[in-house]
Amino acid sequence: ELEDLYDQYSLGLNLKEDFDQFRLKTKFRYYYTEETGRQLLGKIDNQYFGLMQEIGYGPNTFGIGVQKIQGNTDFPMLDGAVPVLSYINWTQGTFNKANELSYHFTFNHDAGWLMPGLSFLLRYVDGKNYLINNEKGFDESEFDFIMNYKIKEGKFKGLGLQWLNLNYKNDIGGDYMENRIITLYTLNF
C-alpha cells in the first residue's frame, strides 16, 4: 500500500524443473492495482498478467512470454519508471501502457567454452495496441543485446562487466538507441 496513492495486490509463481539435459523455468505474475479513493495520481484501475516460459539445453536458453495490461490506465510505477523487478521480463521500455499486449522473446548463451564467465543475451519485446488518451492502436518494440563477463578466479574474482545495447521504437516518436557499460563487483562477507 502506498498511502493515499494506490493499493496493489500481487501473486507470483516460479517453477523450475530439470529433465535429463533440459531445463524448464516458468514465471507467472499477476497484479491488481486500484487508487485508494483520494486519486492523488488520477484514476488507477488495472490488472497485469504475465507468463514467461524458458527452455534450456546445454549452454542455450530460449524464452517466450506474453504480458497484458488490462484496463484503461497504465500500470503505475514509482516515479514513472522505477523498475518492477518481478515483471516476467524487465526491459528499458516499460511496456506498461493501458490495454497493452506484449510478446517477449529471449535467447541466452553461456559462452564459458570461449572464455570462462562470458555470456550473451538477446531479447526482443513487441508491444501492441496500447491506449493514449483513450485512443487505441499504438505500438512499441525493443531489441537488446547484453554481454556479461564475470571474473571467476584470481586477484579480481567477483569483478564483472556488462555491455547493454538497446534499440527502442514506438509510434509516438520516442525512438532511441543506447549503449551502457556497467561495472559490478561481488563481495562475499
N, C-alpha and C. Protein backbone atom coordinates (compact mmCIF):
# COMPACT_ATOMS: atom_id res chain seq x y z
N GLU A 1 0.84 -1.19 0.00
CA GLU A 1 0.00 0.00 0.00
C GLU A 1 0.87 1.24 0.00
N LEU A 2 0.60 2.16 -0.90
CA LEU A 2 1.23 3.47 -0.91
C LEU A 2 0.15 4.44 -0.43
N GLU A 3 0.27 4.86 0.79
CA GLU A 3 -0.79 5.63 1.44
C GLU A 3 -1.27 6.79 0.59
N ASP A 4 -2.56 6.83 0.37
CA ASP A 4 -3.25 7.86 -0.41
C ASP A 4 -2.87 7.89 -1.89
N LEU A 5 -2.12 6.91 -2.37
CA LEU A 5 -1.78 6.86 -3.80
C LEU A 5 -2.49 5.70 -4.47
N TYR A 6 -2.07 4.48 -4.17
CA TYR A 6 -2.76 3.31 -4.71
C TYR A 6 -2.46 2.09 -3.87
N ASP A 7 -3.35 1.10 -4.00
CA ASP A 7 -3.17 -0.21 -3.38
C ASP A 7 -2.83 -1.18 -4.51
N GLN A 8 -1.91 -2.10 -4.22
CA GLN A 8 -1.53 -3.08 -5.23
C GLN A 8 -1.44 -4.45 -4.59
N TYR A 9 -2.06 -5.42 -5.23
CA TYR A 9 -2.06 -6.79 -4.76
C TYR A 9 -1.37 -7.64 -5.83
N SER A 10 -0.57 -8.60 -5.41
CA SER A 10 0.15 -9.38 -6.42
C SER A 10 0.22 -10.85 -6.04
N LEU A 11 0.43 -11.65 -7.05
CA LEU A 11 0.63 -13.09 -6.91
C LEU A 11 1.71 -13.48 -7.91
N GLY A 12 2.70 -14.22 -7.45
CA GLY A 12 3.77 -14.66 -8.34
C GLY A 12 4.06 -16.12 -8.14
N LEU A 13 4.48 -16.76 -9.20
CA LEU A 13 4.79 -18.18 -9.17
C LEU A 13 6.01 -18.43 -10.05
N ASN A 14 7.01 -19.12 -9.50
CA ASN A 14 8.18 -19.57 -10.24
C ASN A 14 8.27 -21.08 -10.14
N LEU A 15 8.42 -21.73 -11.27
CA LEU A 15 8.59 -23.19 -11.29
C LEU A 15 9.86 -23.51 -12.07
N LYS A 16 10.69 -24.37 -11.50
CA LYS A 16 11.90 -24.83 -12.17
C LYS A 16 11.91 -26.34 -12.15
N GLU A 17 12.28 -26.94 -13.28
CA GLU A 17 12.32 -28.39 -13.36
C GLU A 17 13.39 -28.79 -14.37
N ASP A 18 14.15 -29.82 -14.04
CA ASP A 18 15.16 -30.38 -14.94
C ASP A 18 14.70 -31.75 -15.41
N PHE A 19 14.82 -31.99 -16.72
CA PHE A 19 14.51 -33.28 -17.32
C PHE A 19 15.72 -33.70 -18.14
N ASP A 20 16.45 -34.68 -17.64
CA ASP A 20 17.68 -35.12 -18.30
C ASP A 20 18.56 -33.89 -18.57
N GLN A 21 18.73 -33.52 -19.83
CA GLN A 21 19.59 -32.38 -20.17
C GLN A 21 18.80 -31.10 -20.42
N PHE A 22 17.50 -31.14 -20.25
CA PHE A 22 16.66 -29.97 -20.48
C PHE A 22 16.33 -29.29 -19.15
N ARG A 23 16.25 -27.96 -19.20
CA ARG A 23 15.85 -27.16 -18.04
C ARG A 23 14.59 -26.37 -18.42
N LEU A 24 13.60 -26.42 -17.56
CA LEU A 24 12.38 -25.64 -17.77
C LEU A 24 12.22 -24.65 -16.63
N LYS A 25 11.84 -23.43 -16.98
CA LYS A 25 11.57 -22.42 -15.96
C LYS A 25 10.33 -21.64 -16.40
N THR A 26 9.34 -21.60 -15.52
CA THR A 26 8.09 -20.90 -15.80
C THR A 26 7.91 -19.80 -14.77
N LYS A 27 7.56 -18.61 -15.25
CA LYS A 27 7.26 -17.48 -14.37
C LYS A 27 5.85 -16.99 -14.67
N PHE A 28 5.05 -16.85 -13.64
CA PHE A 28 3.71 -16.28 -13.76
C PHE A 28 3.60 -15.12 -12.78
N ARG A 29 3.04 -13.98 -13.23
CA ARG A 29 2.84 -12.82 -12.36
C ARG A 29 1.44 -12.26 -12.59
N TYR A 30 0.83 -11.83 -11.49
CA TYR A 30 -0.47 -11.16 -11.56
C TYR A 30 -0.44 -9.99 -10.58
N TYR A 31 -0.91 -8.83 -11.01
CA TYR A 31 -1.06 -7.66 -10.15
C TYR A 31 -2.46 -7.07 -10.35
N TYR A 32 -3.03 -6.60 -9.27
CA TYR A 32 -4.25 -5.81 -9.34
C TYR A 32 -3.97 -4.51 -8.62
N THR A 33 -4.21 -3.38 -9.30
CA THR A 33 -3.90 -2.07 -8.75
C THR A 33 -5.15 -1.20 -8.82
N GLU A 34 -5.42 -0.48 -7.73
CA GLU A 34 -6.54 0.46 -7.70
C GLU A 34 -6.16 1.65 -6.85
N GLU A 35 -6.76 2.81 -7.16
CA GLU A 35 -6.47 4.00 -6.34
C GLU A 35 -7.10 3.83 -4.97
N THR A 36 -6.61 4.59 -4.01
CA THR A 36 -7.08 4.46 -2.63
C THR A 36 -8.35 5.25 -2.38
N GLY A 37 -8.82 5.98 -3.37
CA GLY A 37 -10.03 6.76 -3.19
C GLY A 37 -9.77 8.26 -3.26
N ARG A 38 -8.54 8.66 -2.94
CA ARG A 38 -8.21 10.09 -2.98
C ARG A 38 -7.76 10.52 -4.37
N GLN A 39 -7.38 9.58 -5.20
CA GLN A 39 -6.99 9.80 -6.60
C GLN A 39 -5.92 10.88 -6.75
N LEU A 40 -4.90 10.86 -5.89
CA LEU A 40 -3.81 11.83 -5.99
C LEU A 40 -2.99 11.65 -7.26
N LEU A 41 -3.00 10.46 -7.83
CA LEU A 41 -2.31 10.20 -9.10
C LEU A 41 -3.30 10.06 -10.25
N GLY A 42 -4.55 10.43 -10.02
CA GLY A 42 -5.58 10.23 -11.03
C GLY A 42 -6.21 8.86 -10.88
N LYS A 43 -7.04 8.52 -11.83
CA LYS A 43 -7.71 7.23 -11.78
C LYS A 43 -6.70 6.11 -12.06
N ILE A 44 -6.71 5.11 -11.21
CA ILE A 44 -5.87 3.92 -11.39
C ILE A 44 -6.76 2.70 -11.15
N ASP A 45 -6.86 1.86 -12.15
CA ASP A 45 -7.63 0.63 -12.02
C ASP A 45 -7.20 -0.29 -13.15
N ASN A 46 -6.29 -1.21 -12.86
CA ASN A 46 -5.83 -2.11 -13.90
C ASN A 46 -5.34 -3.42 -13.32
N GLN A 47 -5.10 -4.34 -14.22
CA GLN A 47 -4.55 -5.65 -13.87
C GLN A 47 -3.38 -5.95 -14.80
N TYR A 48 -2.42 -6.66 -14.26
CA TYR A 48 -1.25 -7.10 -15.03
C TYR A 48 -1.24 -8.62 -15.01
N PHE A 49 -1.06 -9.22 -16.18
CA PHE A 49 -0.90 -10.66 -16.30
C PHE A 49 0.40 -10.91 -17.07
N GLY A 50 1.23 -11.79 -16.57
CA GLY A 50 2.47 -12.11 -17.28
C GLY A 50 2.80 -13.58 -17.15
N LEU A 51 3.23 -14.18 -18.25
CA LEU A 51 3.63 -15.58 -18.28
C LEU A 51 4.86 -15.70 -19.16
N MET A 52 5.93 -16.30 -18.64
CA MET A 52 7.18 -16.50 -19.37
C MET A 52 7.61 -17.94 -19.22
N GLN A 53 7.93 -18.58 -20.36
CA GLN A 53 8.41 -19.96 -20.35
C GLN A 53 9.81 -19.99 -20.96
N GLU A 54 10.77 -20.54 -20.20
CA GLU A 54 12.13 -20.68 -20.70
C GLU A 54 12.48 -22.16 -20.79
N ILE A 55 13.18 -22.52 -21.86
CA ILE A 55 13.63 -23.90 -22.08
C ILE A 55 15.13 -23.85 -22.34
N GLY A 56 15.88 -24.58 -21.52
CA GLY A 56 17.32 -24.59 -21.66
C GLY A 56 17.85 -25.95 -22.03
N TYR A 57 18.91 -25.93 -22.83
CA TYR A 57 19.61 -27.16 -23.20
C TYR A 57 21.07 -26.79 -23.39
N GLY A 58 21.94 -27.44 -22.65
CA GLY A 58 23.36 -27.09 -22.72
C GLY A 58 23.57 -25.64 -22.35
N PRO A 59 24.35 -24.91 -23.16
CA PRO A 59 24.63 -23.51 -22.84
C PRO A 59 23.55 -22.54 -23.32
N ASN A 60 22.49 -23.04 -23.93
CA ASN A 60 21.47 -22.17 -24.53
C ASN A 60 20.15 -22.23 -23.77
N THR A 61 19.51 -21.07 -23.68
CA THR A 61 18.18 -20.98 -23.07
C THR A 61 17.31 -20.07 -23.95
N PHE A 62 16.17 -20.59 -24.36
CA PHE A 62 15.21 -19.84 -25.16
C PHE A 62 14.01 -19.50 -24.28
N GLY A 63 13.48 -18.29 -24.45
CA GLY A 63 12.31 -17.89 -23.68
C GLY A 63 11.25 -17.27 -24.56
N ILE A 64 10.00 -17.52 -24.21
CA ILE A 64 8.88 -16.89 -24.89
C ILE A 64 7.86 -16.52 -23.82
N GLY A 65 7.31 -15.31 -23.94
CA GLY A 65 6.37 -14.85 -22.92
C GLY A 65 5.33 -13.91 -23.48
N VAL A 66 4.33 -13.69 -22.66
CA VAL A 66 3.27 -12.75 -23.00
C VAL A 66 2.93 -11.95 -21.75
N GLN A 67 2.64 -10.67 -21.95
CA GLN A 67 2.31 -9.78 -20.84
C GLN A 67 1.12 -8.91 -21.27
N LYS A 68 0.14 -8.76 -20.40
CA LYS A 68 -1.06 -7.98 -20.72
C LYS A 68 -1.36 -7.01 -19.59
N ILE A 69 -1.53 -5.74 -19.96
CA ILE A 69 -2.03 -4.73 -19.02
C ILE A 69 -3.51 -4.56 -19.35
N GLN A 70 -4.37 -4.99 -18.46
CA GLN A 70 -5.81 -4.95 -18.68
C GLN A 70 -6.38 -3.74 -17.96
N GLY A 71 -7.04 -2.87 -18.69
CA GLY A 71 -7.65 -1.69 -18.08
C GLY A 71 -7.35 -0.45 -18.90
N ASN A 72 -7.94 0.66 -18.49
CA ASN A 72 -7.80 1.90 -19.23
C ASN A 72 -6.75 2.84 -18.66
N THR A 73 -5.94 2.35 -17.71
CA THR A 73 -4.86 3.17 -17.16
C THR A 73 -3.55 2.39 -17.25
N ASP A 74 -2.44 3.13 -17.33
CA ASP A 74 -1.13 2.49 -17.34
C ASP A 74 -0.89 1.78 -16.01
N PHE A 75 -0.07 0.75 -16.03
CA PHE A 75 0.36 0.09 -14.80
C PHE A 75 1.25 1.09 -14.06
N PRO A 76 0.91 1.46 -12.81
CA PRO A 76 1.66 2.52 -12.12
C PRO A 76 3.04 2.05 -11.66
N MET A 77 3.99 2.97 -11.78
CA MET A 77 5.35 2.73 -11.29
C MET A 77 5.79 3.96 -10.51
N LEU A 78 6.51 3.73 -9.45
CA LEU A 78 7.02 4.85 -8.67
C LEU A 78 7.89 5.72 -9.56
N ASP A 79 7.72 7.02 -9.51
CA ASP A 79 8.49 7.97 -10.29
C ASP A 79 8.36 7.75 -11.79
N GLY A 80 7.35 6.97 -12.21
CA GLY A 80 7.11 6.76 -13.63
C GLY A 80 7.95 5.68 -14.29
N ALA A 81 9.08 5.31 -13.68
CA ALA A 81 9.93 4.33 -14.34
C ALA A 81 10.78 3.49 -13.39
N VAL A 82 10.50 3.53 -12.10
CA VAL A 82 11.26 2.67 -11.19
C VAL A 82 10.91 1.23 -11.54
N PRO A 83 11.92 0.39 -11.80
CA PRO A 83 11.65 -0.97 -12.28
C PRO A 83 10.77 -1.80 -11.35
N VAL A 84 9.90 -2.56 -11.96
CA VAL A 84 9.15 -3.59 -11.26
C VAL A 84 9.90 -4.88 -11.55
N LEU A 85 10.85 -5.21 -10.69
CA LEU A 85 11.76 -6.30 -10.97
C LEU A 85 11.09 -7.66 -11.00
N SER A 86 9.86 -7.73 -10.51
CA SER A 86 9.17 -9.01 -10.55
C SER A 86 8.30 -9.16 -11.81
N TYR A 87 8.38 -8.21 -12.74
CA TYR A 87 7.79 -8.43 -14.07
C TYR A 87 8.35 -9.75 -14.61
N ILE A 88 7.70 -10.32 -15.60
CA ILE A 88 8.23 -11.56 -16.18
C ILE A 88 9.54 -11.31 -16.92
N ASN A 89 9.75 -10.07 -17.39
CA ASN A 89 10.93 -9.77 -18.20
C ASN A 89 11.11 -8.25 -18.19
N TRP A 90 11.97 -7.75 -17.32
CA TRP A 90 12.13 -6.30 -17.23
C TRP A 90 13.01 -5.78 -18.36
N THR A 91 12.57 -4.70 -19.02
CA THR A 91 13.31 -4.07 -20.11
C THR A 91 13.36 -2.56 -19.87
N GLN A 92 14.13 -1.87 -20.68
CA GLN A 92 14.20 -0.41 -20.56
C GLN A 92 12.86 0.23 -20.91
N GLY A 93 12.28 -0.17 -22.04
CA GLY A 93 10.92 0.25 -22.37
C GLY A 93 9.99 -0.52 -21.44
N THR A 94 9.16 0.16 -20.71
CA THR A 94 8.45 -0.49 -19.61
C THR A 94 7.29 -1.39 -20.07
N PHE A 95 6.74 -1.18 -21.24
CA PHE A 95 5.63 -1.99 -21.75
C PHE A 95 4.52 -2.10 -20.71
N ASN A 96 4.18 -0.96 -20.12
CA ASN A 96 3.19 -0.89 -19.05
C ASN A 96 1.99 -0.04 -19.42
N LYS A 97 1.77 0.19 -20.71
CA LYS A 97 0.71 1.10 -21.16
C LYS A 97 -0.66 0.45 -21.03
N ALA A 98 -1.67 1.30 -20.89
CA ALA A 98 -3.05 0.82 -20.77
C ALA A 98 -3.42 -0.05 -21.96
N ASN A 99 -4.02 -1.21 -21.67
CA ASN A 99 -4.52 -2.15 -22.68
C ASN A 99 -3.42 -2.82 -23.50
N GLU A 100 -2.15 -2.67 -23.14
CA GLU A 100 -1.06 -3.18 -23.96
C GLU A 100 -0.89 -4.69 -23.83
N LEU A 101 -0.68 -5.32 -24.95
CA LEU A 101 -0.34 -6.74 -25.03
C LEU A 101 1.06 -6.81 -25.62
N SER A 102 1.99 -7.44 -24.89
CA SER A 102 3.36 -7.54 -25.40
C SER A 102 3.83 -8.98 -25.42
N TYR A 103 4.63 -9.27 -26.44
CA TYR A 103 5.22 -10.59 -26.64
C TYR A 103 6.72 -10.49 -26.38
N HIS A 104 7.26 -11.45 -25.65
CA HIS A 104 8.66 -11.42 -25.22
C HIS A 104 9.39 -12.65 -25.76
N PHE A 105 10.57 -12.40 -26.35
CA PHE A 105 11.40 -13.48 -26.87
C PHE A 105 12.82 -13.26 -26.37
N THR A 106 13.44 -14.29 -25.79
CA THR A 106 14.80 -14.17 -25.28
C THR A 106 15.64 -15.37 -25.73
N PHE A 107 16.94 -15.10 -25.84
CA PHE A 107 17.91 -16.15 -26.10
C PHE A 107 19.15 -15.85 -25.26
N ASN A 108 19.49 -16.76 -24.35
CA ASN A 108 20.68 -16.65 -23.52
C ASN A 108 21.69 -17.70 -23.97
N HIS A 109 22.95 -17.31 -23.98
CA HIS A 109 24.01 -18.27 -24.30
C HIS A 109 25.16 -18.10 -23.31
N ASP A 110 25.50 -19.18 -22.64
CA ASP A 110 26.66 -19.20 -21.74
C ASP A 110 27.87 -19.54 -22.59
N ALA A 111 28.71 -18.54 -22.83
CA ALA A 111 29.88 -18.71 -23.70
C ALA A 111 31.13 -19.05 -22.90
N GLY A 112 30.96 -19.75 -21.77
CA GLY A 112 32.08 -20.16 -20.96
C GLY A 112 33.07 -21.04 -21.70
N TRP A 113 32.63 -21.71 -22.75
CA TRP A 113 33.51 -22.52 -23.59
C TRP A 113 34.53 -21.65 -24.32
N LEU A 114 34.14 -20.39 -24.59
CA LEU A 114 35.02 -19.45 -25.28
C LEU A 114 35.93 -18.73 -24.29
N MET A 115 35.31 -18.26 -23.18
CA MET A 115 36.03 -17.58 -22.11
C MET A 115 35.21 -17.76 -20.83
N PRO A 116 35.78 -18.38 -19.80
CA PRO A 116 35.02 -18.59 -18.56
C PRO A 116 34.44 -17.27 -18.02
N GLY A 117 33.14 -17.30 -17.70
CA GLY A 117 32.47 -16.12 -17.17
C GLY A 117 31.79 -15.25 -18.21
N LEU A 118 31.83 -15.63 -19.49
CA LEU A 118 31.25 -14.83 -20.57
C LEU A 118 29.86 -15.37 -20.93
N SER A 119 28.89 -14.47 -21.08
CA SER A 119 27.55 -14.87 -21.51
C SER A 119 26.91 -13.76 -22.33
N PHE A 120 25.91 -14.14 -23.13
CA PHE A 120 25.22 -13.21 -24.01
C PHE A 120 23.71 -13.37 -23.84
N LEU A 121 22.99 -12.28 -24.03
CA LEU A 121 21.53 -12.30 -24.01
C LEU A 121 21.02 -11.47 -25.18
N LEU A 122 20.13 -12.05 -25.97
CA LEU A 122 19.37 -11.32 -26.99
C LEU A 122 17.93 -11.31 -26.52
N ARG A 123 17.30 -10.12 -26.60
CA ARG A 123 15.91 -10.01 -26.12
C ARG A 123 15.14 -9.11 -27.07
N TYR A 124 13.93 -9.56 -27.44
CA TYR A 124 13.05 -8.75 -28.27
C TYR A 124 11.67 -8.72 -27.62
N VAL A 125 11.12 -7.51 -27.49
CA VAL A 125 9.78 -7.34 -26.93
C VAL A 125 8.96 -6.51 -27.92
N ASP A 126 7.75 -6.96 -28.21
CA ASP A 126 6.87 -6.28 -29.15
C ASP A 126 5.55 -5.98 -28.45
N GLY A 127 5.29 -4.70 -28.20
CA GLY A 127 4.06 -4.27 -27.53
C GLY A 127 3.04 -3.75 -28.53
N LYS A 128 1.79 -4.16 -28.37
CA LYS A 128 0.76 -3.87 -29.36
C LYS A 128 -0.47 -3.20 -28.76
N ASN A 129 -1.04 -2.29 -29.54
CA ASN A 129 -2.40 -1.78 -29.34
C ASN A 129 -2.64 -1.10 -28.00
N TYR A 130 -1.67 -0.32 -27.52
CA TYR A 130 -1.90 0.34 -26.24
C TYR A 130 -2.67 1.64 -26.42
N LEU A 131 -3.21 2.13 -25.30
CA LEU A 131 -4.05 3.32 -25.29
C LEU A 131 -3.26 4.58 -24.93
N ILE A 132 -3.56 5.66 -25.63
CA ILE A 132 -3.13 7.00 -25.22
C ILE A 132 -4.35 7.90 -25.38
N ASN A 133 -4.75 8.55 -24.30
CA ASN A 133 -5.95 9.41 -24.31
C ASN A 133 -7.16 8.68 -24.88
N ASN A 134 -7.37 7.45 -24.44
CA ASN A 134 -8.49 6.60 -24.85
C ASN A 134 -8.49 6.26 -26.34
N GLU A 135 -7.36 6.45 -27.02
CA GLU A 135 -7.24 6.07 -28.42
C GLU A 135 -6.33 4.85 -28.53
N LYS A 136 -6.84 3.78 -29.14
CA LYS A 136 -6.08 2.53 -29.28
C LYS A 136 -5.22 2.53 -30.54
N GLY A 137 -4.33 1.55 -30.57
CA GLY A 137 -3.60 1.29 -31.81
C GLY A 137 -2.14 1.68 -31.80
N PHE A 138 -1.57 2.03 -30.66
CA PHE A 138 -0.16 2.42 -30.61
C PHE A 138 0.70 1.19 -30.31
N ASP A 139 1.88 1.14 -30.91
CA ASP A 139 2.78 0.01 -30.75
C ASP A 139 4.16 0.49 -30.31
N GLU A 140 4.91 -0.41 -29.68
CA GLU A 140 6.30 -0.14 -29.30
C GLU A 140 7.07 -1.45 -29.37
N SER A 141 8.39 -1.35 -29.51
CA SER A 141 9.22 -2.56 -29.54
C SER A 141 10.60 -2.22 -28.99
N GLU A 142 11.31 -3.27 -28.57
CA GLU A 142 12.67 -3.10 -28.07
C GLU A 142 13.48 -4.34 -28.41
N PHE A 143 14.71 -4.10 -28.87
CA PHE A 143 15.66 -5.18 -29.11
C PHE A 143 16.91 -4.88 -28.30
N ASP A 144 17.33 -5.84 -27.46
CA ASP A 144 18.50 -5.67 -26.60
C ASP A 144 19.55 -6.73 -26.91
N PHE A 145 20.81 -6.30 -26.83
CA PHE A 145 21.94 -7.21 -26.83
C PHE A 145 22.72 -6.93 -25.55
N ILE A 146 22.92 -7.96 -24.73
CA ILE A 146 23.63 -7.79 -23.46
C ILE A 146 24.76 -8.81 -23.41
N MET A 147 25.97 -8.30 -23.14
CA MET A 147 27.12 -9.17 -22.95
C MET A 147 27.59 -9.01 -21.51
N ASN A 148 27.74 -10.13 -20.80
CA ASN A 148 28.22 -10.14 -19.42
C ASN A 148 29.53 -10.90 -19.33
N TYR A 149 30.43 -10.36 -18.53
CA TYR A 149 31.67 -11.07 -18.25
C TYR A 149 31.97 -10.92 -16.76
N LYS A 150 32.19 -12.05 -16.10
CA LYS A 150 32.50 -12.06 -14.67
C LYS A 150 33.76 -12.88 -14.45
N ILE A 151 34.74 -12.29 -13.79
CA ILE A 151 35.99 -12.97 -13.50
C ILE A 151 35.72 -14.03 -12.43
N LYS A 152 36.09 -15.27 -12.73
CA LYS A 152 35.76 -16.42 -11.88
C LYS A 152 36.82 -16.74 -10.84
N GLU A 153 38.09 -16.35 -11.08
CA GLU A 153 39.15 -16.70 -10.14
C GLU A 153 40.28 -15.69 -10.23
N GLY A 154 41.17 -15.76 -9.25
CA GLY A 154 42.33 -14.89 -9.25
C GLY A 154 42.12 -13.63 -8.43
N LYS A 155 43.01 -12.68 -8.61
CA LYS A 155 43.04 -11.44 -7.83
C LYS A 155 41.75 -10.61 -7.98
N PHE A 156 41.14 -10.65 -9.16
CA PHE A 156 39.95 -9.83 -9.41
C PHE A 156 38.66 -10.65 -9.41
N LYS A 157 38.67 -11.80 -8.76
CA LYS A 157 37.48 -12.66 -8.68
C LYS A 157 36.30 -11.84 -8.15
N GLY A 158 35.15 -11.95 -8.84
CA GLY A 158 33.95 -11.23 -8.44
C GLY A 158 33.71 -9.96 -9.24
N LEU A 159 34.72 -9.49 -9.98
CA LEU A 159 34.57 -8.30 -10.80
C LEU A 159 33.85 -8.67 -12.09
N GLY A 160 32.87 -7.89 -12.45
CA GLY A 160 32.11 -8.17 -13.66
C GLY A 160 31.90 -6.92 -14.49
N LEU A 161 31.75 -7.12 -15.79
CA LEU A 161 31.45 -6.04 -16.72
C LEU A 161 30.23 -6.43 -17.53
N GLN A 162 29.41 -5.44 -17.84
CA GLN A 162 28.23 -5.69 -18.67
C GLN A 162 28.14 -4.60 -19.73
N TRP A 163 27.88 -5.00 -20.97
CA TRP A 163 27.60 -4.06 -22.05
C TRP A 163 26.17 -4.30 -22.48
N LEU A 164 25.37 -3.24 -22.47
CA LEU A 164 23.98 -3.29 -22.90
C LEU A 164 23.81 -2.38 -24.10
N ASN A 165 23.34 -2.94 -25.20
CA ASN A 165 22.98 -2.16 -26.38
C ASN A 165 21.48 -2.36 -26.57
N LEU A 166 20.72 -1.26 -26.51
CA LEU A 166 19.28 -1.39 -26.69
C LEU A 166 18.79 -0.47 -27.79
N ASN A 167 17.77 -0.93 -28.49
CA ASN A 167 17.16 -0.18 -29.57
C ASN A 167 15.66 -0.19 -29.32
N TYR A 168 15.11 0.98 -28.94
CA TYR A 168 13.70 1.11 -28.58
C TYR A 168 12.98 1.95 -29.62
N LYS A 169 11.79 1.52 -30.02
CA LYS A 169 10.99 2.25 -31.01
C LYS A 169 9.53 2.28 -30.55
N ASN A 170 8.84 3.41 -30.86
CA ASN A 170 7.40 3.47 -30.62
C ASN A 170 6.74 4.37 -31.64
N ASP A 171 5.43 4.37 -31.65
CA ASP A 171 4.66 5.11 -32.66
C ASP A 171 4.56 6.61 -32.38
N ILE A 172 5.00 7.05 -31.22
CA ILE A 172 4.82 8.48 -30.89
C ILE A 172 6.13 9.26 -30.93
N GLY A 173 7.15 8.69 -31.56
CA GLY A 173 8.39 9.44 -31.80
C GLY A 173 9.39 9.44 -30.68
N GLY A 174 9.35 8.46 -29.80
CA GLY A 174 10.31 8.40 -28.72
C GLY A 174 11.39 7.36 -28.96
N ASP A 175 11.76 7.13 -30.23
CA ASP A 175 12.76 6.11 -30.56
C ASP A 175 14.13 6.52 -30.04
N TYR A 176 14.92 5.54 -29.61
CA TYR A 176 16.30 5.81 -29.24
C TYR A 176 17.12 4.52 -29.24
N MET A 177 18.43 4.70 -29.40
CA MET A 177 19.38 3.61 -29.26
C MET A 177 20.36 4.04 -28.19
N GLU A 178 20.73 3.09 -27.33
CA GLU A 178 21.56 3.44 -26.19
C GLU A 178 22.55 2.33 -25.93
N ASN A 179 23.75 2.71 -25.50
CA ASN A 179 24.77 1.77 -25.06
C ASN A 179 25.12 2.09 -23.62
N ARG A 180 25.21 1.07 -22.79
CA ARG A 180 25.59 1.24 -21.39
C ARG A 180 26.70 0.26 -21.06
N ILE A 181 27.66 0.72 -20.29
CA ILE A 181 28.71 -0.14 -19.74
C ILE A 181 28.54 -0.11 -18.23
N ILE A 182 28.42 -1.27 -17.63
CA ILE A 182 28.16 -1.37 -16.19
C ILE A 182 29.27 -2.22 -15.57
N THR A 183 29.82 -1.74 -14.47
CA THR A 183 30.83 -2.49 -13.73
C THR A 183 30.20 -3.02 -12.45
N LEU A 184 30.40 -4.28 -12.18
CA LEU A 184 29.83 -4.93 -10.99
C LEU A 184 30.94 -5.58 -10.19
N TYR A 185 30.75 -5.62 -8.89
CA TYR A 185 31.71 -6.35 -8.05
C TYR A 185 30.95 -7.06 -6.96
N THR A 186 31.19 -8.36 -6.82
CA THR A 186 30.54 -9.16 -5.80
C THR A 186 31.54 -9.36 -4.65
N LEU A 187 31.10 -9.01 -3.48
CA LEU A 187 31.94 -9.16 -2.29
C LEU A 187 31.21 -10.07 -1.30
N ASN A 188 31.83 -11.17 -0.96
CA ASN A 188 31.23 -12.11 -0.01
C ASN A 188 31.71 -11.78 1.40
N PHE A 189 30.81 -11.75 2.36
CA PHE A 189 31.16 -11.46 3.74
C PHE A 189 31.25 -12.75 4.53
